[in-house]
Every structure is written in structure tokens, then in C-alpha cells.
Amino acid sequence: MAIITRYVVEHKGVEKLVTTDKREADRYDKMLDVADNLATFIQAKGVDIDDGLLEDLSVLLSKNKEKVAKLFKGVDAESLLEEEKAEVVKLETKQA
């Protein structure tokens, strides 16, 4: 019989991720914490937005924090999106 350790990331009472990799679980948990902080900040600034959309937006920003930081430094959005497309093509080529 094998013993398997699983890490479960639960957020607001909902299971969001189950993995055997502790670092992956920690990263995901931190991303969700950052998303919560972003949502709180956006709401505190008076932006009236649907809760579901607010959650989607804050998770999107949190998952892409490095790219968002580049945008704040003046990098063009189109160049970031082109880089992203190139990364996807590289991944698809490796899998084929």
C-alpha cells in the first residue's frame, strides 16, 4: 500500500486545488491571498463591480502580477501579449 500526501488549497470554503507538490500549493495559496487583497483594494476605492467579476479580475491580475508590473513600468501591452503567444507556441511544439 502506498501513502500519498496531498495538499488541498481551500478558499472561502471551496476546494480550489489538490496537488502532491507543497510548493505549488503554497504558490497557489499566496496567489489567492493577493487576489483577495486586490479585491479589497478595488472595492475600497469605490469601484462598483459585480462580486463574480471582481473575483475574476483580481485572480487574473494576481496570476499575471509580473506582466502587470511590466505594464506599470511602461512596457507596451501588445509586446507582452506577443511574448505570451510565443510562449504558447513553444509549449505546443514541445508537446507535439
C-alpha atoms as a PDB file:
ATOM      1  CA  MET A   1       0.000   0.000   0.000  1.00  0.00           C
ATOM      2  CA  ALA A   2       1.301   3.425  -0.970  1.00  0.00           C
ATOM      3  CA  ILE A   3       0.972   6.542   1.109  1.00  0.00           C
ATOM      4  CA  ILE A   4       0.330   9.690  -0.879  1.00  0.00           C
ATOM      5  CA  THR A   5       0.498  13.139   0.634  1.00  0.00           C
ATOM      6  CA  ARG A   6      -1.929  15.588  -0.913  1.00  0.00           C
ATOM      7  CA  TYR A   7      -2.098  19.300  -0.340  1.00  0.00           C
ATOM      8  CA  VAL A   8      -5.519  20.886  -0.640  1.00  0.00           C
ATOM      9  CA  VAL A   9      -5.907  24.603  -1.147  1.00  0.00           C
ATOM     10  CA  GLU A  10      -9.277  25.715   0.124  1.00  0.00           C
ATOM     11  CA  HIS A  11     -10.540  29.248  -0.379  1.00  0.00           C
ATOM     12  CA  LYS A  12     -13.748  30.579   1.132  1.00  0.00           C
ATOM     13  CA  GLY A  13     -14.893  27.036   1.871  1.00  0.00           C
ATOM     14  CA  VAL A  14     -14.297  25.789  -1.682  1.00  0.00           C
ATOM     15  CA  GLU A  15     -11.575  23.355  -2.742  1.00  0.00           C
ATOM     16  CA  LYS A  16      -9.543  25.197  -5.362  1.00  0.00           C
ATOM     17  CA  LEU A  17      -6.512  22.946  -5.856  1.00  0.00           C
ATOM     18  CA  VAL A  18      -5.393  19.450  -4.899  1.00  0.00           C
ATOM     19  CA  THR A  19      -1.765  18.579  -5.551  1.00  0.00           C
ATOM     20  CA  THR A  20       1.101  16.466  -4.268  1.00  0.00           C
ATOM     21  CA  ASP A  21       3.522  19.393  -4.634  1.00  0.00           C
ATOM     22  CA  LYS A  22       3.744  21.523  -1.498  1.00  0.00           C
ATOM     23  CA  ARG A  23       5.448  24.431  -3.295  1.00  0.00           C
ATOM     24  CA  GLU A  24       2.712  24.521  -5.923  1.00  0.00           C
ATOM     25  CA  ALA A  25       0.062  24.567  -3.190  1.00  0.00           C
ATOM     26  CA  ASP A  26       1.894  27.367  -1.350  1.00  0.00           C
ATOM     27  CA  ARG A  27       2.221  29.447  -4.552  1.00  0.00           C
ATOM     28  CA  TYR A  28      -1.458  28.992  -5.366  1.00  0.00           C
ATOM     29  CA  ASP A  29      -2.494  29.880  -1.825  1.00  0.00           C
ATOM     30  CA  LYS A  30      -0.374  33.037  -1.950  1.00  0.00           C
ATOM     31  CA  MET A  31      -1.873  33.971  -5.337  1.00  0.00           C
ATOM     32  CA  LEU A  32      -5.358  33.671  -3.827  1.00  0.00           C
ATOM     33  CA  ASP A  33      -4.309  35.837  -0.852  1.00  0.00           C
ATOM     34  CA  VAL A  34      -3.015  38.517  -3.241  1.00  0.00           C
ATOM     35  CA  ALA A  35      -6.269  38.315  -5.222  1.00  0.00           C
ATOM     36  CA  ASP A  36      -8.255  38.863  -2.022  1.00  0.00           C
ATOM     37  CA  ASN A  37      -6.127  41.905  -1.193  1.00  0.00           C
ATOM     38  CA  LEU A  38      -6.629  43.296  -4.696  1.00  0.00           C
ATOM     39  CA  ALA A  39     -10.394  42.816  -4.442  1.00  0.00           C
ATOM     40  CA  THR A  40     -10.471  44.598  -1.090  1.00  0.00           C
ATOM     41  CA  PHE A  41      -8.410  47.471  -2.506  1.00  0.00           C
ATOM     42  CA  ILE A  42     -10.608  47.826  -5.606  1.00  0.00           C
ATOM     43  CA  GLN A  43     -13.775  47.869  -3.506  1.00  0.00           C
ATOM     44  CA  ALA A  44     -12.288  50.359  -1.031  1.00  0.00           C
ATOM     45  CA  LYS A  45     -11.557  52.737  -3.906  1.00  0.00           C
ATOM     46  CA  GLY A  46     -15.264  52.891  -4.668  1.00  0.00           C
ATOM     47  CA  VAL A  47     -15.353  50.818  -7.836  1.00  0.00           C
ATOM     48  CA  ASP A  48     -18.841  49.331  -8.067  1.00  0.00           C
ATOM     49  CA  ILE A  49     -18.372  45.934  -9.665  1.00  0.00           C
ATOM     50  CA  ASP A  50     -20.216  42.614  -9.512  1.00  0.00           C
ATOM     51  CA  ASP A  51     -18.679  40.230  -6.941  1.00  0.00           C
ATOM     52  CA  GLY A  52     -18.085  37.469  -9.513  1.00  0.00           C
ATOM     53  CA  LEU A  53     -16.421  39.855 -11.933  1.00  0.00           C
ATOM     54  CA  LEU A  54     -14.368  41.365  -9.108  1.00  0.00           C
ATOM     55  CA  GLU A  55     -13.116  37.915  -8.130  1.00  0.00           C
ATOM     56  CA  ASP A  56     -12.263  37.031 -11.749  1.00  0.00           C
ATOM     57  CA  LEU A  57     -10.446  40.327 -12.234  1.00  0.00           C
ATOM     58  CA  SER A  58      -8.459  40.093  -9.003  1.00  0.00           C
ATOM     59  CA  VAL A  59      -7.406  36.483  -9.736  1.00  0.00           C
ATOM     60  CA  LEU A  60      -6.397  37.452 -13.295  1.00  0.00           C
ATOM     61  CA  LEU A  61      -4.271  40.327 -12.001  1.00  0.00           C
ATOM     62  CA  SER A  62      -2.739  38.166  -9.278  1.00  0.00           C
ATOM     63  CA  LYS A  63      -1.854  35.338 -11.686  1.00  0.00           C
ATOM     64  CA  ASN A  64      -0.216  37.836 -14.035  1.00  0.00           C
ATOM     65  CA  LYS A  65       1.471  40.086 -11.476  1.00  0.00           C
ATOM     66  CA  GLU A  66       4.858  40.087 -13.255  1.00  0.00           C
ATOM     67  CA  LYS A  67       3.270  41.171 -16.525  1.00  0.00           C
ATOM     68  CA  VAL A  68       1.121  43.794 -14.805  1.00  0.00           C
ATOM     69  CA  ALA A  69       4.269  45.155 -13.127  1.00  0.00           C
ATOM     70  CA  LYS A  70       5.888  45.472 -16.572  1.00  0.00           C
ATOM     71  CA  LEU A  71       2.862  47.436 -17.788  1.00  0.00           C
ATOM     72  CA  PHE A  72       3.316  49.878 -14.890  1.00  0.00           C
ATOM     73  CA  LYS A  73       6.944  50.290 -15.967  1.00  0.00           C
ATOM     74  CA  GLY A  74       5.828  51.342 -19.450  1.00  0.00           C
ATOM     75  CA  VAL A  75       6.079  48.115 -21.433  1.00  0.00           C
ATOM     76  CA  ASP A  76       3.559  48.040 -24.278  1.00  0.00           C
ATOM     77  CA  ALA A  77       0.639  45.633 -23.770  1.00  0.00           C
ATOM     78  CA  GLU A  78       0.894  44.407 -27.351  1.00  0.00           C
ATOM     79  CA  SER A  79       4.508  43.295 -26.856  1.00  0.00           C
ATOM     80  CA  LEU A  80       3.561  41.419 -23.678  1.00  0.00           C
ATOM     81  CA  LEU A  81       0.718  39.678 -25.479  1.00  0.00           C
ATOM     82  CA  GLU A  82       3.052  38.746 -28.356  1.00  0.00           C
ATOM     83  CA  GLU A  83       5.515  37.233 -25.860  1.00  0.00           C
ATOM     84  CA  GLU A  84       2.660  35.240 -24.381  1.00  0.00           C
ATOM     85  CA  LYS A  85       1.662  33.920 -27.802  1.00  0.00           C
ATOM     86  CA  ALA A  86       5.271  32.920 -28.483  1.00  0.00           C
ATOM     87  CA  GLU A  87       5.426  31.022 -25.177  1.00  0.00           C
ATOM     88  CA  VAL A  88       2.260  29.091 -26.053  1.00  0.00           C
ATOM     89  CA  VAL A  89       3.647  28.152 -29.465  1.00  0.00           C
ATOM     90  CA  LYS A  90       6.878  26.905 -27.847  1.00  0.00           C
ATOM     91  CA  LEU A  91       4.909  24.755 -25.378  1.00  0.00           C
ATOM     92  CA  GLU A  92       2.729  23.293 -28.136  1.00  0.00           C
ATOM     93  CA  THR A  93       5.817  22.487 -30.224  1.00  0.00           C
ATOM     94  CA  LYS A  94       7.488  20.667 -27.324  1.00  0.00           C
ATOM     95  CA  GLN A  95       4.382  18.555 -26.664  1.00  0.00           C
ATOM     96  CA  ALA A  96       3.955  17.526 -30.290  1.00  0.00           C
END
